[in-house]
Amino acid sequence: MANDALSVAVLGPGGIGGLLAGLLARAGHRVICLAGEDTVQVLRGDGIRVRSGRFGDFTARVEADTVLREPVDACLVAVKHTALEAALDRVPPSALGDGLLVPFLNGVEHPAALRARYRPDLVAPAVIRVESTRVAPGVIEHGSPFAEIDLTGEGVDRKRLDAPALALEAAGPVTRVLDDETGALWAKMSFLAPFALLTTLHALPLGEVRTRHREELTALVEETAAVSRACGGPTDPARAMARYDAFPPQTKSSMQRDAEAGRPLELDAIGGALLRAADRHGVNVPVTARVVRELARQHA
């Protein structure tokens, strides 16, 4: 292993975690994937297989275990919110040592919860923009022509952020370190919430949502931007709409894929968190409230 190689645990080697685990392992870093026993056995035998137009098709050898047993430089948390509480049992704070905990989670409420459980100065939230899916244990399909990461962390030593950022950048994804954690999380939320909520509610890909339900999409974008502004985040509804219009029309959200597969939805982490933030700041979000209500009824 090279002198600048890192040891990185990946909690949840699914669409996001599996892609990052594969890229980091291929770049020469030590990667330990943390998952259930069945997935661990597959990864130990077959490694992680990535199919990607952007990064190529490759197989990377990784270590795998059901629980973290030794300190690492960083632990990437890439499970869904719905599985987070149980998954964190695989990463005891004592085993993590002074390694960074880097959650790639949707929503805006998880940093506070993680800082209550782990050392606050080691929790470094990240945002990733990518479409990547686990099609079978250890098999990852990366569909988007891009993979972009923003790494942040209020109260985290900037030098501690630079090492994983450099490793990720060299492994493939475009990676930035940002000073404004709130801004980074709300920038993702402002884009994700309207996209996830409406593609799932209507069971349609983004292309059909932005044409057949454009008025509703515009209202959701404007309401989300107003909440973001109240929370100290960015607000640019026109930019969000332009980004939606630039996406391939067949694009689906991960929440929509979860609904199609009958998996639990991250409705509370996205829609619920948005409504709670709106309520705290007295922002009126009638369209968002209706959409979240309807989704909750659909998937009760």
Protein backbone atom coordinates (compact mmCIF):
# COMPACT_ATOMS: atom_id res chain seq x y z
CA MET A 1 0.00 0.00 0.00
CA ALA A 2 1.27 3.48 -0.86
CA ASN A 3 2.29 5.79 1.97
CA ASP A 4 -0.67 8.09 1.33
CA ALA A 5 -3.14 5.19 1.17
CA LEU A 6 -6.02 5.39 3.63
CA SER A 7 -7.91 2.72 5.50
CA VAL A 8 -11.61 3.32 4.84
CA ALA A 9 -14.64 1.49 6.19
CA VAL A 10 -17.83 1.63 4.12
CA LEU A 11 -21.04 1.04 6.06
CA GLY A 12 -23.59 -0.11 3.49
CA PRO A 13 -21.91 -1.16 0.21
CA GLY A 14 -25.01 -0.45 -1.89
CA GLY A 15 -25.41 1.91 -4.84
CA ILE A 16 -23.41 4.76 -3.30
CA GLY A 17 -21.23 2.88 -0.81
CA GLY A 18 -20.40 0.11 -3.26
CA LEU A 19 -19.36 2.56 -5.96
CA LEU A 20 -17.10 4.50 -3.58
CA ALA A 21 -15.70 1.29 -2.06
CA GLY A 22 -14.85 -0.04 -5.51
CA LEU A 23 -13.25 3.19 -6.70
CA LEU A 24 -11.19 3.64 -3.52
CA ALA A 25 -10.03 0.01 -3.51
CA ARG A 26 -9.05 0.22 -7.18
CA ALA A 27 -7.01 3.34 -6.34
CA GLY A 28 -4.99 1.37 -3.77
CA HIS A 29 -6.70 2.21 -0.47
CA ARG A 30 -7.59 -0.41 2.12
CA VAL A 31 -11.38 -0.76 2.10
CA ILE A 32 -13.43 -2.66 4.67
CA CYS A 33 -17.11 -3.05 3.74
CA LEU A 34 -19.51 -3.45 6.68
CA ALA A 35 -22.72 -5.33 5.92
CA GLY A 36 -24.86 -8.35 6.80
CA GLU A 37 -23.39 -11.85 6.81
CA ASP A 38 -24.68 -12.83 3.36
CA THR A 39 -23.28 -9.72 1.67
CA VAL A 40 -19.99 -10.10 3.56
CA GLN A 41 -19.54 -13.62 2.16
CA VAL A 42 -20.20 -12.43 -1.41
CA LEU A 43 -17.77 -9.51 -1.07
CA ARG A 44 -15.04 -11.70 0.42
CA GLY A 45 -15.36 -14.13 -2.45
CA ASP A 46 -16.11 -11.93 -5.45
CA GLY A 47 -15.07 -8.40 -4.48
CA ILE A 48 -17.08 -5.45 -5.75
CA ARG A 49 -17.99 -5.38 -9.44
CA VAL A 50 -18.69 -1.94 -10.88
CA ARG A 51 -20.26 -1.24 -14.27
CA SER A 52 -19.83 2.42 -15.20
CA GLY A 53 -19.73 4.40 -18.41
CA ARG A 54 -17.78 7.09 -16.57
CA PHE A 55 -15.26 4.97 -14.64
CA GLY A 56 -15.23 1.78 -16.69
CA ASP A 57 -16.17 -1.79 -15.77
CA PHE A 58 -13.93 -3.33 -13.11
CA THR A 59 -13.73 -5.63 -10.12
CA ALA A 60 -12.01 -4.51 -6.92
CA ARG A 61 -10.94 -6.67 -4.00
CA VAL A 62 -12.19 -5.45 -0.63
CA GLU A 63 -12.23 -6.71 2.93
CA ALA A 64 -15.65 -7.30 4.48
CA ASP A 65 -17.00 -7.78 7.98
CA THR A 66 -20.23 -7.49 9.93
CA VAL A 67 -18.76 -5.00 12.40
CA LEU A 68 -15.82 -2.59 12.55
CA ARG A 69 -13.13 -4.15 14.72
CA GLU A 70 -10.26 -1.65 14.42
CA PRO A 71 -9.71 2.09 13.88
CA VAL A 72 -9.81 3.46 10.33
CA ASP A 73 -8.99 6.84 8.83
CA ALA A 74 -12.60 7.32 7.75
CA CYS A 75 -15.89 5.47 7.82
CA LEU A 76 -18.27 6.31 4.97
CA VAL A 77 -21.91 5.84 6.00
CA ALA A 78 -23.95 4.98 2.92
CA VAL A 79 -27.08 3.27 4.23
CA LYS A 80 -30.59 4.63 3.88
CA HIS A 81 -32.11 6.58 6.78
CA THR A 82 -34.61 3.77 7.24
CA ALA A 83 -31.75 1.39 8.09
CA LEU A 84 -29.45 3.83 9.87
CA GLU A 85 -30.18 3.07 13.52
CA ALA A 86 -29.58 -0.67 13.17
CA ALA A 87 -26.60 -0.20 10.85
CA LEU A 88 -24.74 2.05 13.28
CA ASP A 89 -24.39 -0.92 15.64
CA ARG A 90 -21.75 -2.11 13.15
CA VAL A 91 -19.61 0.96 13.96
CA PRO A 92 -19.00 1.15 17.73
CA PRO A 93 -17.56 4.55 18.67
CA SER A 94 -14.74 2.77 20.50
CA ALA A 95 -13.71 0.91 17.34
CA LEU A 96 -13.83 4.03 15.17
CA GLY A 97 -11.24 5.69 17.38
CA ASP A 98 -10.43 9.13 16.01
CA GLY A 99 -11.43 8.24 12.46
CA LEU A 100 -13.77 10.55 10.57
CA LEU A 101 -17.41 9.53 10.23
CA VAL A 102 -18.59 10.66 6.78
CA PRO A 103 -22.35 10.23 6.29
CA PHE A 104 -23.66 10.24 2.71
CA LEU A 105 -27.26 10.54 3.85
CA ASN A 106 -30.25 12.36 2.44
CA GLY A 107 -31.90 15.09 4.49
CA VAL A 108 -30.58 17.62 6.97
CA GLU A 109 -31.24 16.20 10.43
CA HIS A 110 -28.72 13.34 10.61
CA PRO A 111 -25.56 15.33 11.56
CA ALA A 112 -27.02 16.27 14.94
CA ALA A 113 -28.08 12.68 15.63
CA LEU A 114 -24.64 11.34 14.68
CA ARG A 115 -22.85 13.97 16.79
CA ALA A 116 -24.86 12.81 19.79
CA ARG A 117 -23.49 9.30 19.27
CA TYR A 118 -19.93 9.92 18.03
CA ARG A 119 -17.36 12.61 18.73
CA PRO A 120 -18.86 15.79 17.24
CA ASP A 121 -15.51 16.96 15.83
CA LEU A 122 -15.25 13.74 13.79
CA VAL A 123 -18.63 13.89 12.01
CA ALA A 124 -18.07 15.21 8.49
CA PRO A 125 -21.30 15.18 6.44
CA ALA A 126 -20.95 14.69 2.70
CA VAL A 127 -23.29 15.20 -0.24
CA ILE A 128 -23.01 13.14 -3.42
CA ARG A 129 -24.65 13.79 -6.76
CA VAL A 130 -24.77 10.52 -8.69
CA GLU A 131 -27.12 7.84 -9.96
CA SER A 132 -25.79 4.48 -8.83
CA THR A 133 -27.69 1.27 -8.04
CA ARG A 134 -26.85 -2.03 -6.39
CA VAL A 135 -28.36 -4.64 -8.73
CA ALA A 136 -27.13 -7.60 -6.64
CA PRO A 137 -24.82 -7.98 -3.61
CA GLY A 138 -21.46 -6.61 -4.66
CA VAL A 139 -22.68 -5.57 -8.14
CA ILE A 140 -23.00 -1.84 -8.78
CA GLU A 141 -24.34 -0.05 -11.85
CA HIS A 142 -23.28 3.59 -12.07
CA GLY A 143 -25.66 5.22 -14.55
CA SER A 144 -24.97 8.96 -14.45
CA PRO A 145 -22.21 10.58 -16.52
CA PHE A 146 -21.05 12.33 -13.33
CA ALA A 147 -20.21 11.70 -9.68
CA GLU A 148 -19.68 14.80 -7.54
CA ILE A 149 -19.01 14.99 -3.80
CA ASP A 150 -19.14 17.92 -1.40
CA LEU A 151 -17.40 17.17 1.91
CA THR A 152 -18.03 19.44 4.87
CA GLY A 153 -18.13 19.38 8.66
CA GLU A 154 -18.66 22.18 11.16
CA GLY A 155 -16.08 21.92 13.91
CA VAL A 156 -13.97 19.37 12.00
CA ASP A 157 -10.30 20.27 11.49
CA ARG A 158 -9.93 21.28 7.84
CA LYS A 159 -6.76 19.19 7.49
CA ARG A 160 -8.77 16.12 8.55
CA LEU A 161 -11.16 16.75 5.65
CA ASP A 162 -8.45 17.21 3.04
CA ALA A 163 -7.06 13.64 3.15
CA PRO A 164 -10.32 11.81 2.30
CA ALA A 165 -11.22 14.56 -0.17
CA LEU A 166 -7.94 14.07 -2.04
CA ALA A 167 -8.36 10.28 -1.96
CA LEU A 168 -11.90 10.48 -3.34
CA GLU A 169 -10.93 12.99 -6.02
CA ALA A 170 -8.00 10.84 -7.17
CA ALA A 171 -10.25 7.75 -7.22
CA GLY A 172 -12.72 9.36 -9.61
CA PRO A 173 -15.50 11.57 -8.21
CA VAL A 174 -15.09 15.34 -8.47
CA THR A 175 -14.69 16.30 -4.79
CA ARG A 176 -14.81 19.66 -3.01
CA VAL A 177 -14.37 20.60 0.64
CA LEU A 178 -16.93 23.24 1.64
CA ASP A 179 -16.90 25.40 4.76
CA ASP A 180 -20.69 25.87 4.96
CA GLU A 181 -22.25 22.61 6.18
CA THR A 182 -25.77 24.05 6.31
CA GLY A 183 -25.45 25.41 2.80
CA ALA A 184 -24.15 22.11 1.42
CA LEU A 185 -26.92 20.03 3.01
CA TRP A 186 -29.71 22.40 1.98
CA ALA A 187 -28.35 22.69 -1.56
CA LYS A 188 -28.83 18.91 -1.87
CA MET A 189 -32.19 18.96 -0.07
CA SER A 190 -33.50 21.74 -2.30
CA PHE A 191 -32.79 19.66 -5.38
CA LEU A 192 -33.64 16.23 -3.98
CA ALA A 193 -36.94 16.83 -2.17
CA PRO A 194 -39.11 17.98 -5.11
CA PHE A 195 -37.54 15.35 -7.39
CA ALA A 196 -37.91 12.45 -4.93
CA LEU A 197 -41.38 13.35 -3.68
CA LEU A 198 -43.00 13.89 -7.08
CA THR A 199 -41.40 11.02 -9.02
CA THR A 200 -42.52 8.71 -6.20
CA LEU A 201 -46.03 10.18 -5.81
CA HIS A 202 -46.81 9.94 -9.52
CA ALA A 203 -44.70 6.80 -10.21
CA LEU A 204 -43.19 8.57 -13.21
CA PRO A 205 -39.61 9.31 -14.32
CA LEU A 206 -38.37 12.88 -14.10
CA GLY A 207 -39.03 13.64 -17.77
CA GLU A 208 -42.76 13.03 -17.39
CA VAL A 209 -42.96 14.81 -14.03
CA ARG A 210 -41.38 17.96 -15.46
CA THR A 211 -43.80 18.05 -18.38
CA ARG A 212 -47.08 16.61 -17.05
CA HIS A 213 -46.75 17.98 -13.49
CA ARG A 214 -44.61 21.08 -14.06
CA GLU A 215 -46.84 23.43 -12.07
CA GLU A 216 -46.67 21.15 -9.04
CA LEU A 217 -42.90 20.71 -9.47
CA THR A 218 -42.42 24.49 -9.68
CA ALA A 219 -44.47 25.01 -6.50
CA LEU A 220 -42.47 22.39 -4.63
CA VAL A 221 -39.18 23.91 -5.79
CA GLU A 222 -40.27 27.38 -4.64
CA GLU A 223 -41.50 26.13 -1.26
CA THR A 224 -38.32 24.16 -0.65
CA ALA A 225 -36.19 27.17 -1.61
CA ALA A 226 -38.12 29.30 0.90
CA VAL A 227 -37.42 26.78 3.68
CA SER A 228 -33.77 26.58 2.68
CA ARG A 229 -33.49 30.37 2.83
CA ALA A 230 -35.04 30.43 6.30
CA CYS A 231 -32.53 27.79 7.48
CA GLY A 232 -29.54 29.69 6.11
CA GLY A 233 -29.14 27.62 2.97
CA PRO A 234 -29.03 28.60 -0.71
CA THR A 235 -32.12 29.59 -2.63
CA ASP A 236 -32.24 29.47 -6.42
CA PRO A 237 -35.48 27.96 -7.76
CA ALA A 238 -34.59 28.81 -11.37
CA ARG A 239 -31.31 26.91 -11.12
CA ALA A 240 -33.08 23.87 -9.66
CA MET A 241 -35.59 23.84 -12.52
CA ALA A 242 -32.78 24.19 -15.06
CA ARG A 243 -30.99 21.19 -13.52
CA TYR A 244 -34.15 19.07 -13.68
CA ASP A 245 -34.60 20.03 -17.33
CA ALA A 246 -31.01 18.98 -18.09
CA PHE A 247 -31.39 15.46 -16.65
CA PRO A 248 -32.12 12.50 -18.95
CA PRO A 249 -35.93 12.11 -19.10
CA GLN A 250 -35.84 8.49 -17.86
CA THR A 251 -34.12 9.48 -14.57
CA LYS A 252 -35.76 8.05 -11.45
CA SER A 253 -35.18 9.03 -7.83
CA SER A 254 -33.87 6.53 -5.30
CA MET A 255 -37.10 6.99 -3.31
CA GLN A 256 -39.08 6.01 -6.42
CA ARG A 257 -36.88 2.92 -6.88
CA ASP A 258 -37.49 2.00 -3.24
CA ALA A 259 -41.26 2.35 -3.77
CA GLU A 260 -41.12 0.15 -6.88
CA ALA A 261 -39.20 -2.52 -4.97
CA GLY A 262 -41.51 -2.39 -1.96
CA ARG A 263 -38.75 -1.11 0.32
CA PRO A 264 -39.34 1.44 3.13
CA LEU A 265 -39.25 5.03 1.92
CA GLU A 266 -37.04 7.83 3.25
CA LEU A 267 -40.19 9.94 3.41
CA ASP A 268 -39.58 11.18 6.96
CA ALA A 269 -35.91 12.04 6.34
CA ILE A 270 -36.80 14.08 3.25
CA GLY A 271 -40.46 15.19 3.35
CA GLY A 272 -40.81 15.05 7.12
CA ALA A 273 -37.59 16.98 7.74
CA LEU A 274 -38.67 19.61 5.21
CA LEU A 275 -42.04 20.09 6.93
CA ARG A 276 -40.42 20.25 10.38
CA ALA A 277 -37.97 22.92 9.21
CA ALA A 278 -40.83 24.88 7.60
CA ASP A 279 -42.80 24.69 10.85
CA ARG A 280 -39.84 25.85 12.94
CA HIS A 281 -39.36 28.91 10.76
CA GLY A 282 -43.01 29.68 10.05
CA VAL A 283 -42.73 29.04 6.31
CA ASN A 284 -46.00 28.14 4.56
CA VAL A 285 -45.58 25.02 2.35
CA PRO A 286 -49.09 23.85 1.39
CA VAL A 287 -48.11 21.88 -1.74
CA THR A 288 -45.27 20.07 0.03
CA ALA A 289 -47.56 19.23 2.97
CA ARG A 290 -50.19 17.79 0.63
CA VAL A 291 -47.66 15.72 -1.35
CA VAL A 292 -46.09 14.29 1.83
CA ARG A 293 -49.57 13.47 3.19
CA GLU A 294 -50.56 11.70 -0.03
CA LEU A 295 -47.31 9.72 -0.13
CA ALA A 296 -47.75 8.66 3.49
CA ARG A 297 -51.25 7.41 2.66
CA GLN A 298 -50.03 5.61 -0.49
CA HIS A 299 -47.31 3.76 1.40
CA ALA A 300 -48.93 3.26 4.78
